[in-house]
Amino acid sequence: MDETRTIEAIMRQETTPREAREEVLSFLRDCSVEGDLDSLGLTELIYAMVVARQRLHGLLAERGEGQGEGEGHG
C-alpha cells in the first residue's frame, strides 16, 4: 500500500485530482481491468493500477523466460 500512497502523492502534485483519476482509469481500461471502476476513489484506483502493473510484469517475465528456453533448440 506504500507504493499506492507514493504514486497518489506524486500524481496529486503534478496533476489535478480529476486528471489523475482520468489517467488511472485510462491505464486500467487499457489493461482490460473490468468492474465498476467509476465508483472507486483515487486511492483504490491507484491500488488497482499497481496490482494490474505487477500482473503485467509477471506475464511479460513468463513470456520472456519461455522464449529464452526455446531459442537454442532450433
PDB file of N, CA and C in Angstrom:
ATOM      1  N   MET A   1       0.821  -1.193   0.000  1.00  0.00           N
ATOM      2  CA  MET A   1       0.000   0.000   0.000  1.00  0.00           C
ATOM      3  C   MET A   1       0.867   1.260   0.000  1.00  0.00           C
ATOM      4  N   ASP A   2       2.131   1.127   0.444  1.00  0.00           N
ATOM      5  CA  ASP A   2       3.029   2.283   0.446  1.00  0.00           C
ATOM      6  C   ASP A   2       3.254   2.804  -0.968  1.00  0.00           C
ATOM      7  N   GLU A   3       3.416   1.880  -1.918  1.00  0.00           N
ATOM      8  CA  GLU A   3       3.617   2.280  -3.311  1.00  0.00           C
ATOM      9  C   GLU A   3       2.401   3.050  -3.826  1.00  0.00           C
ATOM     10  N   THR A   4       1.220   2.605  -3.431  1.00  0.00           N
ATOM     11  CA  THR A   4      -0.016   3.272  -3.836  1.00  0.00           C
ATOM     12  C   THR A   4      -0.039   4.704  -3.332  1.00  0.00           C
ATOM     13  N   ARG A   5       0.284   4.885  -2.076  1.00  0.00           N
ATOM     14  CA  ARG A   5       0.258   6.235  -1.483  1.00  0.00           C
ATOM     15  C   ARG A   5       1.336   7.138  -2.091  1.00  0.00           C
ATOM     16  N   THR A   6       2.486   6.575  -2.397  1.00  0.00           N
ATOM     17  CA  THR A   6       3.552   7.350  -3.037  1.00  0.00           C
ATOM     18  C   THR A   6       3.114   7.821  -4.416  1.00  0.00           C
ATOM     19  N   ILE A   7       2.561   6.902  -5.202  1.00  0.00           N
ATOM     20  CA  ILE A   7       2.091   7.260  -6.547  1.00  0.00           C
ATOM     21  C   ILE A   7       0.998   8.312  -6.457  1.00  0.00           C
ATOM     22  N   GLU A   8       0.074   8.136  -5.510  1.00  0.00           N
ATOM     23  CA  GLU A   8      -1.010   9.104  -5.350  1.00  0.00           C
ATOM     24  C   GLU A   8      -0.461  10.485  -5.001  1.00  0.00           C
ATOM     25  N   ALA A   9       0.496  10.554  -4.102  1.00  0.00           N
ATOM     26  CA  ALA A   9       1.073  11.841  -3.708  1.00  0.00           C
ATOM     27  C   ALA A   9       1.736  12.530  -4.896  1.00  0.00           C
ATOM     28  N   ILE A  10       2.476  11.769  -5.686  1.00  0.00           N
ATOM     29  CA  ILE A  10       3.140  12.343  -6.860  1.00  0.00           C
ATOM     30  C   ILE A  10       2.113  12.831  -7.872  1.00  0.00           C
ATOM     31  N   MET A  11       1.092  12.014  -8.122  1.00  0.00           N
ATOM     32  CA  MET A  11       0.073  12.401  -9.103  1.00  0.00           C
ATOM     33  C   MET A  11      -0.671  13.655  -8.658  1.00  0.00           C
ATOM     34  N   ARG A  12      -0.939  13.752  -7.367  1.00  0.00           N
ATOM     35  CA  ARG A  12      -1.659  14.929  -6.858  1.00  0.00           C
ATOM     36  C   ARG A  12      -0.806  16.198  -6.971  1.00  0.00           C
ATOM     37  N   GLN A  13       0.515  16.050  -6.904  1.00  0.00           N
ATOM     38  CA  GLN A  13       1.399  17.205  -7.049  1.00  0.00           C
ATOM     39  C   GLN A  13       1.483  17.665  -8.497  1.00  0.00           C
ATOM     40  N   GLU A  14       1.441  16.703  -9.419  1.00  0.00           N
ATOM     41  CA  GLU A  14       1.683  17.013 -10.823  1.00  0.00           C
ATOM     42  C   GLU A  14       0.419  17.261 -11.638  1.00  0.00           C
ATOM     43  N   THR A  15      -0.725  16.813 -11.153  1.00  0.00           N
ATOM     44  CA  THR A  15      -1.973  16.988 -11.893  1.00  0.00           C
ATOM     45  C   THR A  15      -3.099  17.302 -10.928  1.00  0.00           C
ATOM     46  N   THR A  16      -4.233  17.654 -11.487  1.00  0.00           N
ATOM     47  CA  THR A  16      -5.418  17.832 -10.652  1.00  0.00           C
ATOM     48  C   THR A  16      -5.963  16.447 -10.309  1.00  0.00           C
ATOM     49  N   PRO A  17      -6.747  16.329  -9.241  1.00  0.00           N
ATOM     50  CA  PRO A  17      -7.330  15.021  -8.909  1.00  0.00           C
ATOM     51  C   PRO A  17      -8.148  14.437 -10.064  1.00  0.00           C
ATOM     52  N   ARG A  18      -8.832  15.279 -10.788  1.00  0.00           N
ATOM     53  CA  ARG A  18      -9.637  14.798 -11.918  1.00  0.00           C
ATOM     54  C   ARG A  18      -8.744  14.222 -13.023  1.00  0.00           C
ATOM     55  N   GLU A  19      -7.660  14.934 -13.345  1.00  0.00           N
ATOM     56  CA  GLU A  19      -6.728  14.441 -14.368  1.00  0.00           C
ATOM     57  C   GLU A  19      -6.062  13.141 -13.926  1.00  0.00           C
ATOM     58  N   ALA A  20      -5.684  13.072 -12.650  1.00  0.00           N
ATOM     59  CA  ALA A  20      -5.063  11.856 -12.124  1.00  0.00           C
ATOM     60  C   ALA A  20      -6.027  10.687 -12.248  1.00  0.00           C
ATOM     61  N   ARG A  21      -7.263  10.912 -11.889  1.00  0.00           N
ATOM     62  CA  ARG A  21      -8.292   9.868 -11.969  1.00  0.00           C
ATOM     63  C   ARG A  21      -8.475   9.402 -13.409  1.00  0.00           C
ATOM     64  N   GLU A  22      -8.537  10.347 -14.341  1.00  0.00           N
ATOM     65  CA  GLU A  22      -8.718  10.005 -15.754  1.00  0.00           C
ATOM     66  C   GLU A  22      -7.531   9.196 -16.281  1.00  0.00           C
ATOM     67  N   GLU A  23      -6.319   9.553 -15.875  1.00  0.00           N
ATOM     68  CA  GLU A  23      -5.126   8.817 -16.312  1.00  0.00           C
ATOM     69  C   GLU A  23      -5.139   7.382 -15.788  1.00  0.00           C
ATOM     70  N   VAL A  24      -5.486   7.221 -14.519  1.00  0.00           N
ATOM     71  CA  VAL A  24      -5.515   5.885 -13.925  1.00  0.00           C
ATOM     72  C   VAL A  24      -6.622   5.047 -14.565  1.00  0.00           C
ATOM     73  N   LEU A  25      -7.801   5.638 -14.763  1.00  0.00           N
ATOM     74  CA  LEU A  25      -8.897   4.917 -15.418  1.00  0.00           C
ATOM     75  C   LEU A  25      -8.493   4.476 -16.819  1.00  0.00           C
ATOM     76  N   SER A  26      -7.827   5.341 -17.545  1.00  0.00           N
ATOM     77  CA  SER A  26      -7.376   5.010 -18.893  1.00  0.00           C
ATOM     78  C   SER A  26      -6.404   3.830 -18.858  1.00  0.00           C
ATOM     79  N   PHE A  27      -5.454   3.861 -17.940  1.00  0.00           N
ATOM     80  CA  PHE A  27      -4.494   2.762 -17.804  1.00  0.00           C
ATOM     81  C   PHE A  27      -5.213   1.453 -17.508  1.00  0.00           C
ATOM     82  N   LEU A  28      -6.148   1.488 -16.558  1.00  0.00           N
ATOM     83  CA  LEU A  28      -6.851   0.267 -16.168  1.00  0.00           C
ATOM     84  C   LEU A  28      -7.688  -0.284 -17.311  1.00  0.00           C
ATOM     85  N   ARG A  29      -8.331   0.591 -18.038  1.00  0.00           N
ATOM     86  CA  ARG A  29      -9.144   0.128 -19.170  1.00  0.00           C
ATOM     87  C   ARG A  29      -8.258  -0.428 -20.281  1.00  0.00           C
ATOM     88  N   ASP A  30      -7.094   0.187 -20.491  1.00  0.00           N
ATOM     89  CA  ASP A  30      -6.143  -0.334 -21.483  1.00  0.00           C
ATOM     90  C   ASP A  30      -5.642  -1.724 -21.093  1.00  0.00           C
ATOM     91  N   CYS A  31      -5.587  -1.996 -19.801  1.00  0.00           N
ATOM     92  CA  CYS A  31      -5.153  -3.308 -19.301  1.00  0.00           C
ATOM     93  C   CYS A  31      -6.326  -4.286 -19.191  1.00  0.00           C
ATOM     94  N   SER A  32      -7.474  -3.894 -19.695  1.00  0.00           N
ATOM     95  CA  SER A  32      -8.683  -4.727 -19.687  1.00  0.00           C
ATOM     96  C   SER A  32      -9.159  -5.079 -18.283  1.00  0.00           C
ATOM     97  N   VAL A  33      -8.960  -4.173 -17.337  1.00  0.00           N
ATOM     98  CA  VAL A  33      -9.484  -4.381 -15.992  1.00  0.00           C
ATOM     99  C   VAL A  33     -10.979  -4.122 -16.046  1.00  0.00           C
ATOM    100  N   GLU A  34     -11.748  -5.081 -15.550  1.00  0.00           N
ATOM    101  CA  GLU A  34     -13.199  -4.968 -15.600  1.00  0.00           C
ATOM    102  C   GLU A  34     -13.744  -4.619 -14.230  1.00  0.00           C
ATOM    103  N   GLY A  35     -14.966  -4.171 -14.208  1.00  0.00           N
ATOM    104  CA  GLY A  35     -15.633  -3.851 -12.955  1.00  0.00           C
ATOM    105  C   GLY A  35     -16.119  -2.420 -12.976  1.00  0.00           C
ATOM    106  N   ASP A  36     -16.742  -2.031 -11.883  1.00  0.00           N
ATOM    107  CA  ASP A  36     -17.297  -0.687 -11.769  1.00  0.00           C
ATOM    108  C   ASP A  36     -16.209   0.270 -11.295  1.00  0.00           C
ATOM    109  N   LEU A  37     -15.327   0.630 -12.205  1.00  0.00           N
ATOM    110  CA  LEU A  37     -14.195   1.489 -11.862  1.00  0.00           C
ATOM    111  C   LEU A  37     -14.635   2.901 -11.494  1.00  0.00           C
ATOM    112  N   ASP A  38     -15.738   3.357 -12.075  1.00  0.00           N
ATOM    113  CA  ASP A  38     -16.185   4.728 -11.841  1.00  0.00           C
ATOM    114  C   ASP A  38     -16.594   4.981 -10.393  1.00  0.00           C
ATOM    115  N   SER A  39     -16.935   3.928  -9.658  1.00  0.00           N
ATOM    116  CA  SER A  39     -17.377   4.115  -8.276  1.00  0.00           C
ATOM    117  C   SER A  39     -16.215   4.137  -7.282  1.00  0.00           C
ATOM    118  N   LEU A  40     -15.002   3.847  -7.749  1.00  0.00           N
ATOM    119  CA  LEU A  40     -13.848   3.789  -6.854  1.00  0.00           C
ATOM    120  C   LEU A  40     -13.219   5.162  -6.651  1.00  0.00           C
ATOM    121  N   GLY A  41     -12.635   5.349  -5.482  1.00  0.00           N
ATOM    122  CA  GLY A  41     -11.895   6.567  -5.200  1.00  0.00           C
ATOM    123  C   GLY A  41     -10.513   6.504  -5.831  1.00  0.00           C
ATOM    124  N   LEU A  42      -9.807   7.621  -5.817  1.00  0.00           N
ATOM    125  CA  LEU A  42      -8.496   7.693  -6.454  1.00  0.00           C
ATOM    126  C   LEU A  42      -7.510   6.697  -5.836  1.00  0.00           C
ATOM    127  N   THR A  43      -7.485   6.589  -4.517  1.00  0.00           N
ATOM    128  CA  THR A  43      -6.562   5.655  -3.867  1.00  0.00           C
ATOM    129  C   THR A  43      -6.850   4.221  -4.292  1.00  0.00           C
ATOM    130  N   GLU A  44      -8.122   3.853  -4.351  1.00  0.00           N
ATOM    131  CA  GLU A  44      -8.499   2.500  -4.772  1.00  0.00           C
ATOM    132  C   GLU A  44      -8.123   2.250  -6.226  1.00  0.00           C
ATOM    133  N   LEU A  45      -8.312   3.255  -7.061  1.00  0.00           N
ATOM    134  CA  LEU A  45      -7.947   3.117  -8.470  1.00  0.00           C
ATOM    135  C   LEU A  45      -6.440   2.938  -8.632  1.00  0.00           C
ATOM    136  N   ILE A  46      -5.672   3.705  -7.883  1.00  0.00           N
ATOM    137  CA  ILE A  46      -4.213   3.595  -7.972  1.00  0.00           C
ATOM    138  C   ILE A  46      -3.763   2.228  -7.469  1.00  0.00           C
ATOM    139  N   TYR A  47      -4.388   1.724  -6.412  1.00  0.00           N
ATOM    140  CA  TYR A  47      -4.054   0.383  -5.923  1.00  0.00           C
ATOM    141  C   TYR A  47      -4.344  -0.658  -7.006  1.00  0.00           C
ATOM    142  N   ALA A  48      -5.486  -0.540  -7.665  1.00  0.00           N
ATOM    143  CA  ALA A  48      -5.821  -1.459  -8.761  1.00  0.00           C
ATOM    144  C   ALA A  48      -4.793  -1.346  -9.881  1.00  0.00           C
ATOM    145  N   MET A  49      -4.312  -0.131 -10.150  1.00  0.00           N
ATOM    146  CA  MET A  49      -3.305   0.078 -11.180  1.00  0.00           C
ATOM    147  C   MET A  49      -1.994  -0.616 -10.800  1.00  0.00           C
ATOM    148  N   VAL A  50      -1.596  -0.508  -9.540  1.00  0.00           N
ATOM    149  CA  VAL A  50      -0.365  -1.146  -9.071  1.00  0.00           C
ATOM    150  C   VAL A  50      -0.472  -2.661  -9.224  1.00  0.00           C
ATOM    151  N   VAL A  51      -1.612  -3.226  -8.838  1.00  0.00           N
ATOM    152  CA  VAL A  51      -1.813  -4.677  -8.957  1.00  0.00           C
ATOM    153  C   VAL A  51      -1.801  -5.094 -10.425  1.00  0.00           C
ATOM    154  N   ALA A  52      -2.488  -4.332 -11.283  1.00  0.00           N
ATOM    155  CA  ALA A  52      -2.520  -4.651 -12.719  1.00  0.00           C
ATOM    156  C   ALA A  52      -1.120  -4.580 -13.316  1.00  0.00           C
ATOM    157  N   ARG A  53      -0.348  -3.588 -12.914  1.00  0.00           N
ATOM    158  CA  ARG A  53       1.017  -3.445 -13.416  1.00  0.00           C
ATOM    159  C   ARG A  53       1.887  -4.622 -12.980  1.00  0.00           C
ATOM    160  N   GLN A  54       1.731  -5.059 -11.734  1.00  0.00           N
ATOM    161  CA  GLN A  54       2.502  -6.201 -11.244  1.00  0.00           C
ATOM    162  C   GLN A  54       2.145  -7.464 -12.022  1.00  0.00           C
ATOM    163  N   ARG A  55       0.870  -7.655 -12.297  1.00  0.00           N
ATOM    164  CA  ARG A  55       0.442  -8.822 -13.077  1.00  0.00           C
ATOM    165  C   ARG A  55       1.007  -8.759 -14.487  1.00  0.00           C
ATOM    166  N   LEU A  56       0.979  -7.579 -15.082  1.00  0.00           N
ATOM    167  CA  LEU A  56       1.510  -7.403 -16.430  1.00  0.00           C
ATOM    168  C   LEU A  56       3.004  -7.718 -16.465  1.00  0.00           C
ATOM    169  N   HIS A  57       3.741  -7.218 -15.490  1.00  0.00           N
ATOM    170  CA  HIS A  57       5.180  -7.501 -15.419  1.00  0.00           C
ATOM    171  C   HIS A  57       5.423  -8.993 -15.248  1.00  0.00           C
ATOM    172  N   GLY A  58       4.593  -9.653 -14.447  1.00  0.00           N
ATOM    173  CA  GLY A  58       4.720 -11.091 -14.258  1.00  0.00           C
ATOM    174  C   GLY A  58       4.486 -11.857 -15.551  1.00  0.00           C
ATOM    175  N   LEU A  59       3.462 -11.461 -16.298  1.00  0.00           N
ATOM    176  CA  LEU A  59       3.178 -12.115 -17.580  1.00  0.00           C
ATOM    177  C   LEU A  59       4.310 -11.899 -18.571  1.00  0.00           C
ATOM    178  N   LEU A  60       4.831 -10.691 -18.619  1.00  0.00           N
ATOM    179  CA  LEU A  60       5.935 -10.404 -19.535  1.00  0.00           C
ATOM    180  C   LEU A  60       7.182 -11.196 -19.151  1.00  0.00           C
ATOM    181  N   ALA A  61       7.426 -11.340 -17.870  1.00  0.00           N
ATOM    182  CA  ALA A  61       8.581 -12.119 -17.415  1.00  0.00           C
ATOM    183  C   ALA A  61       8.420 -13.586 -17.802  1.00  0.00           C
ATOM    184  N   GLU A  62       7.204 -14.115 -17.651  1.00  0.00           N
ATOM    185  CA  GLU A  62       6.953 -15.507 -18.042  1.00  0.00           C
ATOM    186  C   GLU A  62       7.174 -15.699 -19.533  1.00  0.00           C
ATOM    187  N   ARG A  63       6.693 -14.784 -20.326  1.00  0.00           N
ATOM    188  CA  ARG A  63       6.869 -14.880 -21.777  1.00  0.00           C
ATOM    189  C   ARG A  63       8.340 -14.787 -22.149  1.00  0.00           C
ATOM    190  N   GLY A  64       9.058 -13.914 -21.498  1.00  0.00           N
ATOM    191  CA  GLY A  64      10.488 -13.760 -21.768  1.00  0.00           C
ATOM    192  C   GLY A  64      11.261 -15.017 -21.422  1.00  0.00           C
ATOM    193  N   GLU A  65      10.920 -15.647 -20.302  1.00  0.00           N
ATOM    194  CA  GLU A  65      11.587 -16.883 -19.905  1.00  0.00           C
ATOM    195  C   GLU A  65      11.249 -17.998 -20.879  1.00  0.00           C
ATOM    196  N   GLY A  66       9.998 -18.068 -21.294  1.00  0.00           N
ATOM    197  CA  GLY A  66       9.569 -19.109 -22.224  1.00  0.00           C
ATOM    198  C   GLY A  66      10.235 -18.973 -23.576  1.00  0.00           C
ATOM    199  N   GLN A  67      10.414 -17.766 -24.052  1.00  0.00           N
ATOM    200  CA  GLN A  67      11.058 -17.539 -25.343  1.00  0.00           C
ATOM    201  C   GLN A  67      12.540 -17.863 -25.261  1.00  0.00           C
ATOM    202  N   GLY A  68      13.158 -17.532 -24.161  1.00  0.00           N
ATOM    203  CA  GLY A  68      14.582 -17.779 -23.999  1.00  0.00           C
ATOM    204  C   GLY A  68      14.916 -19.260 -23.944  1.00  0.00           C
ATOM    205  N   GLU A  69      14.018 -20.075 -23.406  1.00  0.00           N
ATOM    206  CA  GLU A  69      14.270 -21.507 -23.280  1.00  0.00           C
ATOM    207  C   GLU A  69      14.279 -22.204 -24.627  1.00  0.00           C
ATOM    208  N   GLY A  70      13.431 -21.778 -25.550  1.00  0.00           N
ATOM    209  CA  GLY A  70      13.302 -22.479 -26.815  1.00  0.00           C
ATOM    210  C   GLY A  70      14.223 -21.993 -27.911  1.00  0.00           C
ATOM    211  N   GLU A  71      14.986 -20.967 -27.675  1.00  0.00           N
ATOM    212  CA  GLU A  71      15.790 -20.371 -28.740  1.00  0.00           C
ATOM    213  C   GLU A  71      16.948 -21.256 -29.198  1.00  0.00           C
ATOM    214  N   GLY A  72      17.557 -22.014 -28.322  1.00  0.00           N
ATOM    215  CA  GLY A  72      18.726 -22.789 -28.699  1.00  0.00           C
ATOM    216  C   GLY A  72      18.412 -24.168 -29.261  1.00  0.00           C
ATOM    217  N   HIS A  73      17.143 -24.497 -29.413  1.00  0.00           N
ATOM    218  CA  HIS A  73      16.765 -25.847 -29.829  1.00  0.00           C
ATOM    219  C   HIS A  73      16.374 -25.936 -31.287  1.00  0.00           C
ATOM    220  N   GLY A  74      16.624 -24.964 -32.096  1.00  0.00           N
ATOM    221  CA  GLY A  74      16.121 -24.929 -33.457  1.00  0.00           C
ATOM    222  C   GLY A  74      17.011 -25.521 -34.418  1.00  0.00           C
TER     223      GLY A  74
END
